[in-house]
């Protein structure tokens, strides 16, 4: 399985030529480094919640204009898609197969944020190997300990590095792919990733330092 990062929390999972795009939000597109045309061949688009760094109607529509992708999301996002006339399917608490992918979807609680209600948010286990908790670090996710890969928030208004690393330590994945860094300058990301890599190396966990648009890992 190949996983490519397109800034912030925008990811493409690829296996046997089948592609799933997660959360093409505004942080990925705002500087023009990522374009809708890059996703013309995706088969599925997954939207995990309504926050704009993960979901913007106009961006989603532009991707759908150049692809034949099916949209999967939860009920709250679905309400906005319905108003915009965009077709979608609900996947928020079930396991379904798409091509070579098994997606186990389940509700997760977004970490606390300032002055805003928490959105409905959907986390995923992908092919029984990858935990994508999105913007959640709740204790119930600890039942997914010892998986191959954790998609890990690395910086956010709702979290500290102490909180983030402690959560990942308890999950004890074999590898970590960092996300949620689209608002930081490159030099800062590099310094923080070096600190994370040093921390997790002590635990025998591989921390992947990915910086460029489309950088990928294979598991």
N, C-alpha and C. Protein backbone atom coordinates (compact mmCIF):
# COMPACT_ATOMS: atom_id res chain seq x y z
N UNK A 1 0.84 -1.19 0.00
CA UNK A 1 0.00 0.00 0.00
C UNK A 1 0.88 1.25 0.00
N UNK A 2 0.62 2.14 -0.95
CA UNK A 2 1.35 3.40 -1.04
C UNK A 2 0.48 4.52 -0.49
N UNK A 3 1.06 5.38 0.34
CA UNK A 3 0.33 6.51 0.92
C UNK A 3 1.11 7.77 0.59
N UNK A 4 0.46 8.69 -0.12
CA UNK A 4 1.10 9.94 -0.53
C UNK A 4 0.43 11.11 0.17
N UNK A 5 1.24 12.08 0.58
CA UNK A 5 0.74 13.24 1.31
C UNK A 5 0.78 14.48 0.42
N UNK A 6 -0.35 15.18 0.38
CA UNK A 6 -0.46 16.40 -0.40
C UNK A 6 -0.74 17.60 0.52
N UNK A 7 0.15 17.78 1.47
CA UNK A 7 0.11 18.86 2.45
C UNK A 7 -1.02 18.67 3.46
N UNK A 8 -0.75 19.04 4.67
CA UNK A 8 -1.68 19.03 5.79
C UNK A 8 -2.26 17.63 6.00
N UNK A 9 -3.56 17.45 5.81
CA UNK A 9 -4.19 16.15 6.06
C UNK A 9 -4.76 15.52 4.79
N UNK A 10 -4.30 15.99 3.65
CA UNK A 10 -4.75 15.47 2.35
C UNK A 10 -3.86 14.29 1.95
N UNK A 11 -4.45 13.11 1.89
CA UNK A 11 -3.70 11.87 1.65
C UNK A 11 -4.32 11.07 0.52
N UNK A 12 -3.48 10.36 -0.22
CA UNK A 12 -3.95 9.39 -1.22
C UNK A 12 -3.40 8.02 -0.87
N UNK A 13 -4.31 7.07 -0.70
CA UNK A 13 -3.95 5.67 -0.49
C UNK A 13 -4.09 4.95 -1.82
N UNK A 14 -3.06 4.19 -2.20
CA UNK A 14 -3.07 3.51 -3.50
C UNK A 14 -2.66 2.05 -3.33
N UNK A 15 -3.43 1.17 -3.96
CA UNK A 15 -3.12 -0.26 -3.94
C UNK A 15 -3.68 -0.88 -5.21
N UNK A 16 -2.83 -1.58 -5.95
CA UNK A 16 -3.24 -2.25 -7.18
C UNK A 16 -3.93 -1.30 -8.15
N UNK A 17 -3.45 -0.06 -8.22
CA UNK A 17 -3.99 0.91 -9.15
C UNK A 17 -5.26 1.61 -8.69
N UNK A 18 -5.76 1.25 -7.52
CA UNK A 18 -6.99 1.84 -6.97
C UNK A 18 -6.59 2.92 -5.97
N UNK A 19 -7.25 4.09 -6.04
CA UNK A 19 -6.84 5.22 -5.21
C UNK A 19 -8.00 5.79 -4.39
N UNK A 20 -7.70 6.06 -3.12
CA UNK A 20 -8.65 6.71 -2.22
C UNK A 20 -8.03 8.01 -1.72
N UNK A 21 -8.74 9.11 -1.91
CA UNK A 21 -8.30 10.43 -1.48
C UNK A 21 -9.02 10.81 -0.18
N UNK A 22 -8.25 11.20 0.82
CA UNK A 22 -8.81 11.66 2.09
C UNK A 22 -8.63 13.17 2.24
N UNK A 23 -9.70 13.86 2.58
CA UNK A 23 -9.70 15.23 3.11
C UNK A 23 -8.91 16.26 2.30
N UNK A 24 -9.37 16.54 1.08
CA UNK A 24 -8.76 17.62 0.30
C UNK A 24 -9.27 18.99 0.77
N UNK A 25 -8.66 19.53 1.82
CA UNK A 25 -9.11 20.78 2.41
C UNK A 25 -8.32 21.99 1.93
N UNK A 26 -8.69 23.17 2.42
CA UNK A 26 -8.13 24.40 1.87
C UNK A 26 -6.66 24.61 2.19
N UNK A 27 -6.16 24.07 3.29
CA UNK A 27 -4.74 24.26 3.60
C UNK A 27 -3.83 23.64 2.53
N UNK A 28 -4.32 22.61 1.87
CA UNK A 28 -3.52 21.95 0.84
C UNK A 28 -3.50 22.75 -0.47
N UNK A 29 -4.57 23.50 -0.74
CA UNK A 29 -4.73 24.15 -2.04
C UNK A 29 -4.45 25.64 -2.03
N UNK A 30 -4.35 26.24 -0.86
CA UNK A 30 -4.36 27.70 -0.75
C UNK A 30 -3.17 28.37 -1.44
N UNK A 31 -2.03 27.69 -1.54
CA UNK A 31 -0.85 28.28 -2.18
C UNK A 31 -0.67 27.84 -3.62
N UNK A 32 -1.57 27.01 -4.13
CA UNK A 32 -1.48 26.56 -5.51
C UNK A 32 -0.48 25.44 -5.74
N UNK A 33 0.09 24.90 -4.67
CA UNK A 33 1.06 23.80 -4.82
C UNK A 33 0.37 22.48 -5.11
N UNK A 34 -0.89 22.38 -4.71
CA UNK A 34 -1.72 21.21 -4.98
C UNK A 34 -2.89 21.67 -5.83
N UNK A 35 -3.23 20.91 -6.87
CA UNK A 35 -4.33 21.28 -7.77
C UNK A 35 -5.31 20.12 -7.90
N UNK A 36 -6.56 20.41 -8.25
CA UNK A 36 -7.54 19.33 -8.45
C UNK A 36 -7.11 18.31 -9.49
N UNK A 37 -6.38 18.75 -10.51
CA UNK A 37 -5.97 17.84 -11.58
C UNK A 37 -5.07 16.71 -11.07
N UNK A 38 -4.41 16.93 -9.95
CA UNK A 38 -3.56 15.88 -9.38
C UNK A 38 -4.37 14.66 -8.94
N UNK A 39 -5.68 14.83 -8.81
CA UNK A 39 -6.52 13.75 -8.29
C UNK A 39 -7.54 13.27 -9.32
N UNK A 40 -7.22 13.46 -10.59
CA UNK A 40 -8.15 13.09 -11.66
C UNK A 40 -8.41 11.59 -11.72
N UNK A 41 -7.49 10.80 -11.19
CA UNK A 41 -7.63 9.34 -11.30
C UNK A 41 -8.02 8.67 -9.99
N UNK A 42 -8.49 9.44 -9.01
CA UNK A 42 -8.90 8.79 -7.76
C UNK A 42 -10.26 8.13 -7.93
N UNK A 43 -10.46 7.03 -7.21
CA UNK A 43 -11.72 6.28 -7.29
C UNK A 43 -12.71 6.66 -6.21
N UNK A 44 -12.18 7.00 -5.04
CA UNK A 44 -13.01 7.32 -3.88
C UNK A 44 -12.46 8.59 -3.23
N UNK A 45 -13.37 9.45 -2.76
CA UNK A 45 -12.99 10.60 -1.95
C UNK A 45 -13.67 10.46 -0.59
N UNK A 46 -12.88 10.48 0.47
CA UNK A 46 -13.41 10.37 1.83
C UNK A 46 -13.28 11.73 2.52
N UNK A 47 -14.38 12.22 3.06
CA UNK A 47 -14.38 13.45 3.85
C UNK A 47 -14.70 13.07 5.29
N UNK A 48 -13.80 13.38 6.22
CA UNK A 48 -13.95 12.91 7.60
C UNK A 48 -14.78 13.85 8.48
N UNK A 49 -14.75 15.17 8.18
CA UNK A 49 -15.56 16.11 8.96
C UNK A 49 -15.59 17.47 8.27
N UNK A 50 -16.38 18.40 8.83
CA UNK A 50 -16.72 19.63 8.11
C UNK A 50 -15.67 20.74 8.22
N UNK A 51 -14.66 20.59 9.02
CA UNK A 51 -13.68 21.68 9.15
C UNK A 51 -13.01 21.98 7.81
N UNK A 52 -12.81 23.25 7.47
CA UNK A 52 -12.33 23.60 6.14
C UNK A 52 -10.92 23.14 5.80
N UNK A 53 -10.11 22.84 6.81
CA UNK A 53 -8.79 22.28 6.47
C UNK A 53 -8.89 20.83 6.02
N UNK A 54 -10.11 20.28 6.07
CA UNK A 54 -10.37 18.92 5.60
C UNK A 54 -11.41 18.86 4.49
N UNK A 55 -12.23 19.89 4.37
CA UNK A 55 -13.36 19.84 3.44
C UNK A 55 -13.81 21.24 3.04
N UNK A 56 -13.81 21.48 1.72
CA UNK A 56 -14.36 22.71 1.16
C UNK A 56 -15.17 22.31 -0.08
N UNK A 57 -16.41 22.75 -0.13
CA UNK A 57 -17.30 22.37 -1.23
C UNK A 57 -16.69 22.66 -2.59
N UNK A 58 -16.17 23.88 -2.78
CA UNK A 58 -15.65 24.27 -4.10
C UNK A 58 -14.48 23.40 -4.53
N UNK A 59 -13.59 23.08 -3.59
CA UNK A 59 -12.45 22.23 -3.92
C UNK A 59 -12.92 20.83 -4.29
N UNK A 60 -13.83 20.29 -3.50
CA UNK A 60 -14.36 18.96 -3.79
C UNK A 60 -15.02 18.93 -5.16
N UNK A 61 -15.81 19.95 -5.48
CA UNK A 61 -16.49 19.99 -6.77
C UNK A 61 -15.49 20.02 -7.93
N UNK A 62 -14.41 20.77 -7.77
CA UNK A 62 -13.40 20.85 -8.83
C UNK A 62 -12.72 19.50 -9.04
N UNK A 63 -12.49 18.76 -7.97
CA UNK A 63 -11.90 17.42 -8.11
C UNK A 63 -12.88 16.49 -8.81
N UNK A 64 -14.14 16.58 -8.44
CA UNK A 64 -15.14 15.72 -9.06
C UNK A 64 -15.35 16.07 -10.53
N UNK A 65 -15.11 17.31 -10.90
CA UNK A 65 -15.24 17.72 -12.30
C UNK A 65 -14.21 17.03 -13.19
N UNK A 66 -13.07 16.62 -12.62
CA UNK A 66 -12.02 15.98 -13.42
C UNK A 66 -11.87 14.49 -13.11
N UNK A 67 -12.72 13.97 -12.24
CA UNK A 67 -12.64 12.55 -11.89
C UNK A 67 -14.04 11.95 -11.85
N UNK A 68 -14.09 10.63 -11.76
CA UNK A 68 -15.37 9.93 -11.61
C UNK A 68 -15.50 9.37 -10.20
N UNK A 69 -14.92 10.05 -9.24
CA UNK A 69 -14.83 9.51 -7.89
C UNK A 69 -16.17 9.50 -7.18
N UNK A 70 -16.33 8.49 -6.33
CA UNK A 70 -17.47 8.40 -5.42
C UNK A 70 -17.08 9.06 -4.11
N UNK A 71 -18.00 9.81 -3.51
CA UNK A 71 -17.73 10.50 -2.25
C UNK A 71 -18.33 9.71 -1.09
N UNK A 72 -17.51 9.48 -0.07
CA UNK A 72 -17.95 8.83 1.17
C UNK A 72 -17.77 9.81 2.31
N UNK A 73 -18.78 9.90 3.18
CA UNK A 73 -18.67 10.84 4.29
C UNK A 73 -19.69 10.52 5.36
N UNK A 74 -19.79 11.40 6.36
CA UNK A 74 -20.77 11.20 7.43
C UNK A 74 -21.99 12.10 7.22
N UNK A 75 -22.95 11.99 8.12
CA UNK A 75 -24.23 12.67 7.94
C UNK A 75 -24.10 14.19 7.97
N UNK A 76 -23.26 14.72 8.84
CA UNK A 76 -23.13 16.18 8.94
C UNK A 76 -22.54 16.78 7.67
N UNK A 77 -21.48 16.17 7.15
CA UNK A 77 -20.93 16.63 5.87
C UNK A 77 -21.95 16.41 4.77
N UNK A 78 -22.64 15.29 4.84
CA UNK A 78 -23.64 14.96 3.83
C UNK A 78 -24.72 16.02 3.69
N UNK A 79 -25.10 16.65 4.78
CA UNK A 79 -26.10 17.73 4.72
C UNK A 79 -25.61 18.87 3.83
N UNK A 80 -24.33 19.21 3.94
CA UNK A 80 -23.78 20.28 3.11
C UNK A 80 -23.66 19.84 1.65
N UNK A 81 -23.29 18.59 1.44
CA UNK A 81 -23.18 18.08 0.08
C UNK A 81 -24.54 18.04 -0.60
N UNK A 82 -25.55 17.66 0.15
CA UNK A 82 -26.90 17.61 -0.41
C UNK A 82 -27.36 18.99 -0.85
N UNK A 83 -27.09 20.00 -0.05
CA UNK A 83 -27.46 21.37 -0.41
C UNK A 83 -26.74 21.82 -1.67
N UNK A 84 -25.52 21.31 -1.88
CA UNK A 84 -24.72 21.70 -3.05
C UNK A 84 -25.02 20.83 -4.26
N UNK A 85 -25.87 19.83 -4.09
CA UNK A 85 -26.22 18.96 -5.20
C UNK A 85 -25.14 17.95 -5.55
N UNK A 86 -24.30 17.60 -4.58
CA UNK A 86 -23.22 16.64 -4.81
C UNK A 86 -23.65 15.27 -4.27
N UNK A 87 -23.56 14.25 -5.10
CA UNK A 87 -23.93 12.91 -4.69
C UNK A 87 -22.89 12.33 -3.74
N UNK A 88 -23.35 11.53 -2.80
CA UNK A 88 -22.45 10.94 -1.81
C UNK A 88 -23.09 9.70 -1.22
N UNK A 89 -22.26 8.91 -0.52
CA UNK A 89 -22.73 7.76 0.25
C UNK A 89 -22.27 7.95 1.69
N UNK A 90 -23.10 7.48 2.62
CA UNK A 90 -22.76 7.58 4.04
C UNK A 90 -21.89 6.39 4.45
N UNK A 91 -20.77 6.70 5.09
CA UNK A 91 -19.93 5.68 5.73
C UNK A 91 -19.41 6.30 7.02
N UNK A 92 -20.08 5.96 8.14
CA UNK A 92 -19.71 6.59 9.40
C UNK A 92 -19.60 5.62 10.56
N UNK A 93 -20.14 4.43 10.42
CA UNK A 93 -20.02 3.43 11.48
C UNK A 93 -20.29 2.05 10.89
N UNK A 94 -19.40 1.64 9.99
CA UNK A 94 -19.58 0.38 9.28
C UNK A 94 -18.26 0.01 8.61
N UNK A 95 -18.18 -1.21 8.13
CA UNK A 95 -17.02 -1.67 7.38
C UNK A 95 -17.45 -2.02 5.96
N UNK A 96 -16.77 -1.46 4.98
CA UNK A 96 -17.10 -1.72 3.58
C UNK A 96 -15.81 -1.91 2.79
N UNK A 97 -15.95 -2.59 1.65
CA UNK A 97 -14.81 -2.84 0.78
C UNK A 97 -14.96 -2.03 -0.51
N UNK A 98 -13.85 -1.46 -0.96
CA UNK A 98 -13.80 -0.69 -2.19
C UNK A 98 -12.53 -1.11 -2.93
N UNK A 99 -12.69 -1.81 -4.05
CA UNK A 99 -11.53 -2.35 -4.72
C UNK A 99 -10.74 -3.21 -3.75
N UNK A 100 -9.42 -3.01 -3.66
CA UNK A 100 -8.60 -3.81 -2.74
C UNK A 100 -8.58 -3.26 -1.31
N UNK A 101 -9.39 -2.25 -1.04
CA UNK A 101 -9.36 -1.60 0.27
C UNK A 101 -10.52 -2.03 1.15
N UNK A 102 -10.20 -2.26 2.41
CA UNK A 102 -11.21 -2.47 3.46
C UNK A 102 -11.19 -1.23 4.35
N UNK A 103 -12.32 -0.54 4.41
CA UNK A 103 -12.44 0.66 5.23
C UNK A 103 -13.37 0.38 6.40
N UNK A 104 -12.81 0.41 7.59
CA UNK A 104 -13.59 0.28 8.82
C UNK A 104 -13.78 1.68 9.38
N UNK A 105 -15.01 2.18 9.30
CA UNK A 105 -15.32 3.54 9.74
C UNK A 105 -15.99 3.52 11.10
N UNK A 106 -15.67 4.52 11.93
CA UNK A 106 -16.26 4.58 13.27
C UNK A 106 -16.24 6.03 13.76
N UNK A 107 -17.20 6.41 14.60
CA UNK A 107 -17.24 7.78 15.11
C UNK A 107 -16.11 8.04 16.10
N UNK A 108 -15.48 9.19 15.98
CA UNK A 108 -14.44 9.62 16.92
C UNK A 108 -14.73 11.06 17.33
N UNK A 109 -14.26 11.43 18.50
CA UNK A 109 -14.48 12.79 18.99
C UNK A 109 -13.30 13.68 18.66
N UNK A 110 -13.58 14.79 18.00
CA UNK A 110 -12.54 15.78 17.73
C UNK A 110 -12.00 16.31 19.05
N UNK A 111 -10.70 16.54 19.10
CA UNK A 111 -10.11 17.17 20.29
C UNK A 111 -10.76 18.53 20.52
N UNK A 112 -10.78 18.97 21.77
CA UNK A 112 -11.47 20.21 22.11
C UNK A 112 -10.86 21.41 21.39
N UNK A 113 -11.73 22.28 20.89
CA UNK A 113 -11.30 23.46 20.15
C UNK A 113 -11.95 24.70 20.75
N UNK A 114 -11.32 25.85 20.54
CA UNK A 114 -11.77 27.09 21.16
C UNK A 114 -13.00 27.66 20.46
N UNK A 115 -14.04 27.95 21.24
CA UNK A 115 -15.19 28.73 20.78
C UNK A 115 -15.95 28.12 19.61
N UNK A 116 -15.84 26.84 19.41
CA UNK A 116 -16.57 26.19 18.32
C UNK A 116 -17.15 24.86 18.81
N UNK A 117 -18.35 24.51 18.32
CA UNK A 117 -18.88 23.18 18.65
C UNK A 117 -18.06 22.10 17.97
N UNK A 118 -17.98 20.94 18.57
CA UNK A 118 -17.24 19.84 17.96
C UNK A 118 -18.03 19.26 16.80
N UNK A 119 -17.36 18.96 15.69
CA UNK A 119 -18.06 18.41 14.54
C UNK A 119 -18.26 16.90 14.68
N UNK A 120 -19.19 16.36 13.92
CA UNK A 120 -19.23 14.92 13.75
C UNK A 120 -17.97 14.53 12.97
N UNK A 121 -17.26 13.52 13.42
CA UNK A 121 -16.01 13.14 12.76
C UNK A 121 -15.91 11.62 12.69
N UNK A 122 -15.35 11.14 11.59
CA UNK A 122 -15.24 9.70 11.35
C UNK A 122 -13.78 9.29 11.24
N UNK A 123 -13.39 8.30 12.04
CA UNK A 123 -12.05 7.74 11.96
C UNK A 123 -12.08 6.45 11.15
N UNK A 124 -10.90 5.94 10.82
CA UNK A 124 -10.82 4.76 9.95
C UNK A 124 -9.68 3.83 10.34
N UNK A 125 -9.94 2.55 10.17
CA UNK A 125 -8.89 1.54 10.06
C UNK A 125 -8.89 1.09 8.61
N UNK A 126 -7.73 1.12 7.99
CA UNK A 126 -7.61 0.83 6.57
C UNK A 126 -6.82 -0.46 6.38
N UNK A 127 -7.49 -1.44 5.79
CA UNK A 127 -6.88 -2.75 5.51
C UNK A 127 -6.27 -3.39 6.76
N UNK A 128 -6.88 -3.14 7.90
CA UNK A 128 -6.45 -3.72 9.17
C UNK A 128 -5.01 -3.36 9.54
N UNK A 129 -4.46 -2.34 8.89
CA UNK A 129 -3.06 -1.98 9.11
C UNK A 129 -2.85 -0.54 9.56
N UNK A 130 -3.72 0.35 9.11
CA UNK A 130 -3.50 1.78 9.30
C UNK A 130 -4.62 2.36 10.16
N UNK A 131 -4.24 3.08 11.22
CA UNK A 131 -5.20 3.83 12.02
C UNK A 131 -5.14 5.29 11.60
N UNK A 132 -6.29 5.80 11.14
CA UNK A 132 -6.42 7.22 10.81
C UNK A 132 -7.46 7.82 11.76
N UNK A 133 -7.01 8.34 12.91
CA UNK A 133 -7.94 8.89 13.89
C UNK A 133 -8.36 10.31 13.60
N UNK A 134 -7.86 10.87 12.50
CA UNK A 134 -8.13 12.25 12.08
C UNK A 134 -7.67 13.19 13.21
N UNK A 135 -8.56 14.03 13.74
CA UNK A 135 -8.15 15.00 14.76
C UNK A 135 -8.59 14.56 16.15
N UNK A 136 -8.53 13.27 16.40
CA UNK A 136 -8.94 12.71 17.69
C UNK A 136 -7.76 12.05 18.38
N UNK A 137 -7.77 12.15 19.70
CA UNK A 137 -6.79 11.44 20.53
C UNK A 137 -7.49 10.86 21.75
N UNK A 138 -8.72 10.40 21.56
CA UNK A 138 -9.48 9.91 22.70
C UNK A 138 -9.04 8.50 23.09
N UNK A 139 -9.28 8.17 24.34
CA UNK A 139 -8.77 6.92 24.90
C UNK A 139 -9.32 5.68 24.21
N UNK A 140 -10.53 5.76 23.66
CA UNK A 140 -11.11 4.57 23.05
C UNK A 140 -10.30 4.07 21.86
N UNK A 141 -9.47 4.94 21.29
CA UNK A 141 -8.63 4.53 20.17
C UNK A 141 -7.50 3.60 20.59
N UNK A 142 -7.25 3.50 21.88
CA UNK A 142 -6.16 2.65 22.36
C UNK A 142 -6.44 1.17 22.12
N UNK A 143 -7.67 0.82 21.77
CA UNK A 143 -7.96 -0.57 21.43
C UNK A 143 -7.29 -0.96 20.11
N UNK A 144 -6.79 0.03 19.38
CA UNK A 144 -6.10 -0.23 18.11
C UNK A 144 -4.58 -0.20 18.28
N UNK A 145 -4.10 -0.59 19.43
CA UNK A 145 -2.66 -0.61 19.69
C UNK A 145 -1.93 -1.57 18.75
N UNK A 146 -0.66 -1.26 18.52
CA UNK A 146 0.28 -2.17 17.85
C UNK A 146 -0.02 -2.40 16.37
N UNK A 147 -0.73 -1.47 15.73
CA UNK A 147 -0.94 -1.58 14.29
C UNK A 147 0.33 -1.18 13.54
N UNK A 148 0.31 -1.38 12.24
CA UNK A 148 1.48 -1.07 11.42
C UNK A 148 1.76 0.43 11.35
N UNK A 149 0.70 1.23 11.13
CA UNK A 149 0.92 2.66 10.88
C UNK A 149 -0.14 3.52 11.57
N UNK A 150 0.31 4.60 12.18
CA UNK A 150 -0.56 5.63 12.73
C UNK A 150 -0.43 6.89 11.88
N UNK A 151 -1.57 7.41 11.40
CA UNK A 151 -1.60 8.73 10.79
C UNK A 151 -1.74 9.72 11.95
N UNK A 152 -0.71 10.50 12.22
CA UNK A 152 -0.64 11.26 13.47
C UNK A 152 -0.63 12.77 13.27
N UNK A 153 -1.59 13.46 13.88
CA UNK A 153 -1.53 14.91 13.99
C UNK A 153 -0.22 15.29 14.68
N UNK A 154 0.49 16.26 14.13
CA UNK A 154 1.78 16.64 14.72
C UNK A 154 1.77 18.03 15.36
N UNK A 155 0.86 18.87 14.91
CA UNK A 155 0.72 20.20 15.49
C UNK A 155 -0.70 20.69 15.23
N UNK A 156 -1.25 21.41 16.21
CA UNK A 156 -2.63 21.85 16.08
C UNK A 156 -2.97 22.83 17.20
N UNK A 157 -3.95 23.71 16.99
CA UNK A 157 -4.40 24.59 18.07
C UNK A 157 -4.99 23.82 19.25
N UNK A 158 -5.38 22.58 18.99
CA UNK A 158 -6.04 21.79 20.03
C UNK A 158 -5.12 20.78 20.71
N UNK A 159 -3.82 20.85 20.45
CA UNK A 159 -2.94 19.82 21.01
C UNK A 159 -1.53 20.36 21.22
N UNK A 160 -0.82 19.74 22.15
CA UNK A 160 0.60 20.02 22.37
C UNK A 160 1.41 18.80 21.94
N UNK A 161 2.70 19.00 21.74
CA UNK A 161 3.56 17.87 21.39
C UNK A 161 3.60 16.84 22.51
N UNK A 162 3.50 17.29 23.74
CA UNK A 162 3.48 16.36 24.87
C UNK A 162 2.25 15.47 24.79
N UNK A 163 1.09 16.07 24.52
CA UNK A 163 -0.14 15.31 24.39
C UNK A 163 -0.08 14.35 23.20
N UNK A 164 0.39 14.86 22.08
CA UNK A 164 0.44 14.07 20.85
C UNK A 164 1.37 12.87 21.01
N UNK A 165 2.57 13.10 21.50
CA UNK A 165 3.55 12.01 21.63
C UNK A 165 3.11 10.99 22.66
N UNK A 166 2.47 11.44 23.73
CA UNK A 166 1.99 10.50 24.75
C UNK A 166 0.91 9.58 24.18
N UNK A 167 0.03 10.16 23.37
CA UNK A 167 -1.01 9.36 22.72
C UNK A 167 -0.39 8.32 21.79
N UNK A 168 0.55 8.74 20.97
CA UNK A 168 1.20 7.81 20.05
C UNK A 168 2.02 6.75 20.79
N UNK A 169 2.68 7.15 21.86
CA UNK A 169 3.44 6.19 22.66
C UNK A 169 2.54 5.04 23.13
N UNK A 170 1.36 5.40 23.58
CA UNK A 170 0.43 4.39 24.11
C UNK A 170 -0.11 3.49 23.00
N UNK A 171 -0.27 4.05 21.80
CA UNK A 171 -0.76 3.24 20.68
C UNK A 171 0.31 2.29 20.17
N UNK A 172 1.57 2.71 20.26
CA UNK A 172 2.71 1.87 19.89
C UNK A 172 2.61 1.30 18.48
N UNK A 173 2.42 2.15 17.47
CA UNK A 173 2.45 1.64 16.10
C UNK A 173 3.88 1.32 15.69
N UNK A 174 4.04 0.59 14.61
CA UNK A 174 5.39 0.33 14.10
C UNK A 174 5.94 1.55 13.36
N UNK A 175 5.02 2.30 12.73
CA UNK A 175 5.42 3.46 11.94
C UNK A 175 4.42 4.59 12.17
N UNK A 176 4.87 5.82 11.90
CA UNK A 176 4.02 7.00 12.00
C UNK A 176 4.17 7.84 10.74
N UNK A 177 3.04 8.27 10.18
CA UNK A 177 3.03 9.25 9.09
C UNK A 177 2.45 10.55 9.65
N UNK A 178 3.24 11.62 9.67
CA UNK A 178 2.78 12.88 10.27
C UNK A 178 1.87 13.68 9.34
N UNK A 179 0.84 14.29 9.93
CA UNK A 179 -0.08 15.14 9.18
C UNK A 179 -0.43 16.36 10.03
N UNK A 180 -1.32 17.20 9.46
CA UNK A 180 -1.88 18.36 10.16
C UNK A 180 -0.81 19.40 10.47
N UNK A 181 -0.04 19.74 9.45
CA UNK A 181 1.07 20.69 9.59
C UNK A 181 1.04 21.77 8.52
N UNK A 182 -0.10 21.90 7.84
CA UNK A 182 -0.16 22.76 6.66
C UNK A 182 -0.09 24.24 6.91
N UNK A 183 -0.17 24.66 8.15
CA UNK A 183 -0.12 26.09 8.46
C UNK A 183 1.25 26.55 8.95
N UNK A 184 2.20 25.64 9.02
CA UNK A 184 3.53 25.97 9.55
C UNK A 184 4.56 26.12 8.43
N UNK A 185 5.56 26.95 8.68
CA UNK A 185 6.64 27.12 7.71
C UNK A 185 7.52 25.87 7.67
N UNK A 186 8.15 25.65 6.52
CA UNK A 186 8.93 24.43 6.32
C UNK A 186 10.03 24.26 7.35
N UNK A 187 10.75 25.34 7.67
CA UNK A 187 11.86 25.20 8.62
C UNK A 187 11.35 24.75 9.99
N UNK A 188 10.17 25.23 10.36
CA UNK A 188 9.61 24.84 11.66
C UNK A 188 9.17 23.38 11.63
N UNK A 189 8.52 22.97 10.55
CA UNK A 189 8.11 21.57 10.41
C UNK A 189 9.32 20.66 10.50
N UNK A 190 10.40 21.02 9.81
CA UNK A 190 11.61 20.18 9.82
C UNK A 190 12.18 20.04 11.22
N UNK A 191 12.21 21.13 11.96
CA UNK A 191 12.74 21.07 13.32
C UNK A 191 11.86 20.23 14.24
N UNK A 192 10.56 20.38 14.11
CA UNK A 192 9.66 19.62 14.97
C UNK A 192 9.67 18.14 14.58
N UNK A 193 9.75 17.86 13.29
CA UNK A 193 9.79 16.45 12.86
C UNK A 193 11.07 15.78 13.33
N UNK A 194 12.17 16.51 13.33
CA UNK A 194 13.42 15.95 13.84
C UNK A 194 13.28 15.60 15.32
N UNK A 195 12.57 16.44 16.06
CA UNK A 195 12.35 16.16 17.49
C UNK A 195 11.45 14.94 17.67
N UNK A 196 10.40 14.86 16.87
CA UNK A 196 9.52 13.69 16.93
C UNK A 196 10.29 12.41 16.57
N UNK A 197 11.07 12.49 15.50
CA UNK A 197 11.82 11.30 15.06
C UNK A 197 12.76 10.81 16.15
N UNK A 198 13.42 11.73 16.82
CA UNK A 198 14.33 11.36 17.91
C UNK A 198 13.56 10.70 19.05
N UNK A 199 12.40 11.26 19.38
CA UNK A 199 11.58 10.70 20.46
C UNK A 199 11.13 9.28 20.13
N UNK A 200 10.56 9.10 18.94
CA UNK A 200 9.98 7.80 18.60
C UNK A 200 11.05 6.74 18.30
N UNK A 201 12.22 7.19 17.86
CA UNK A 201 13.30 6.24 17.61
C UNK A 201 13.68 5.50 18.88
N UNK A 202 13.59 6.17 20.02
CA UNK A 202 13.91 5.53 21.30
C UNK A 202 12.95 4.37 21.60
N UNK A 203 11.75 4.43 21.00
CA UNK A 203 10.74 3.40 21.23
C UNK A 203 10.69 2.37 20.10
N UNK A 204 11.59 2.52 19.13
CA UNK A 204 11.61 1.60 18.01
C UNK A 204 10.50 1.85 17.01
N UNK A 205 9.97 3.08 16.99
CA UNK A 205 8.90 3.46 16.07
C UNK A 205 9.49 4.33 14.96
N UNK A 206 9.21 3.95 13.71
CA UNK A 206 9.71 4.71 12.57
C UNK A 206 8.83 5.92 12.32
N UNK A 207 9.40 7.12 12.40
CA UNK A 207 8.68 8.36 12.12
C UNK A 207 9.11 8.85 10.73
N UNK A 208 8.17 8.88 9.80
CA UNK A 208 8.48 9.26 8.42
C UNK A 208 8.49 10.78 8.28
N UNK A 209 9.60 11.33 7.86
CA UNK A 209 9.72 12.77 7.65
C UNK A 209 9.41 13.08 6.19
N UNK A 210 8.18 13.51 5.93
CA UNK A 210 7.73 13.83 4.56
C UNK A 210 7.45 15.33 4.48
N UNK A 211 8.03 15.97 3.47
CA UNK A 211 7.96 17.43 3.38
C UNK A 211 7.39 17.95 2.07
N UNK A 212 7.64 17.26 0.97
CA UNK A 212 7.26 17.77 -0.34
C UNK A 212 5.89 17.26 -0.77
N UNK A 213 5.21 18.05 -1.60
CA UNK A 213 3.92 17.63 -2.14
C UNK A 213 4.05 16.30 -2.86
N UNK A 214 3.24 15.33 -2.48
CA UNK A 214 3.26 14.02 -3.12
C UNK A 214 4.27 13.05 -2.56
N UNK A 215 5.04 13.46 -1.54
CA UNK A 215 5.94 12.51 -0.89
C UNK A 215 5.14 11.31 -0.39
N UNK A 216 5.73 10.12 -0.51
CA UNK A 216 4.96 8.91 -0.19
C UNK A 216 5.77 7.93 0.63
N UNK A 217 5.05 7.04 1.28
CA UNK A 217 5.64 5.89 1.96
C UNK A 217 4.92 4.64 1.46
N UNK A 218 5.54 3.50 1.65
CA UNK A 218 4.92 2.23 1.27
C UNK A 218 4.97 1.29 2.45
N UNK A 219 3.84 0.67 2.75
CA UNK A 219 3.80 -0.29 3.86
C UNK A 219 3.26 -1.62 3.34
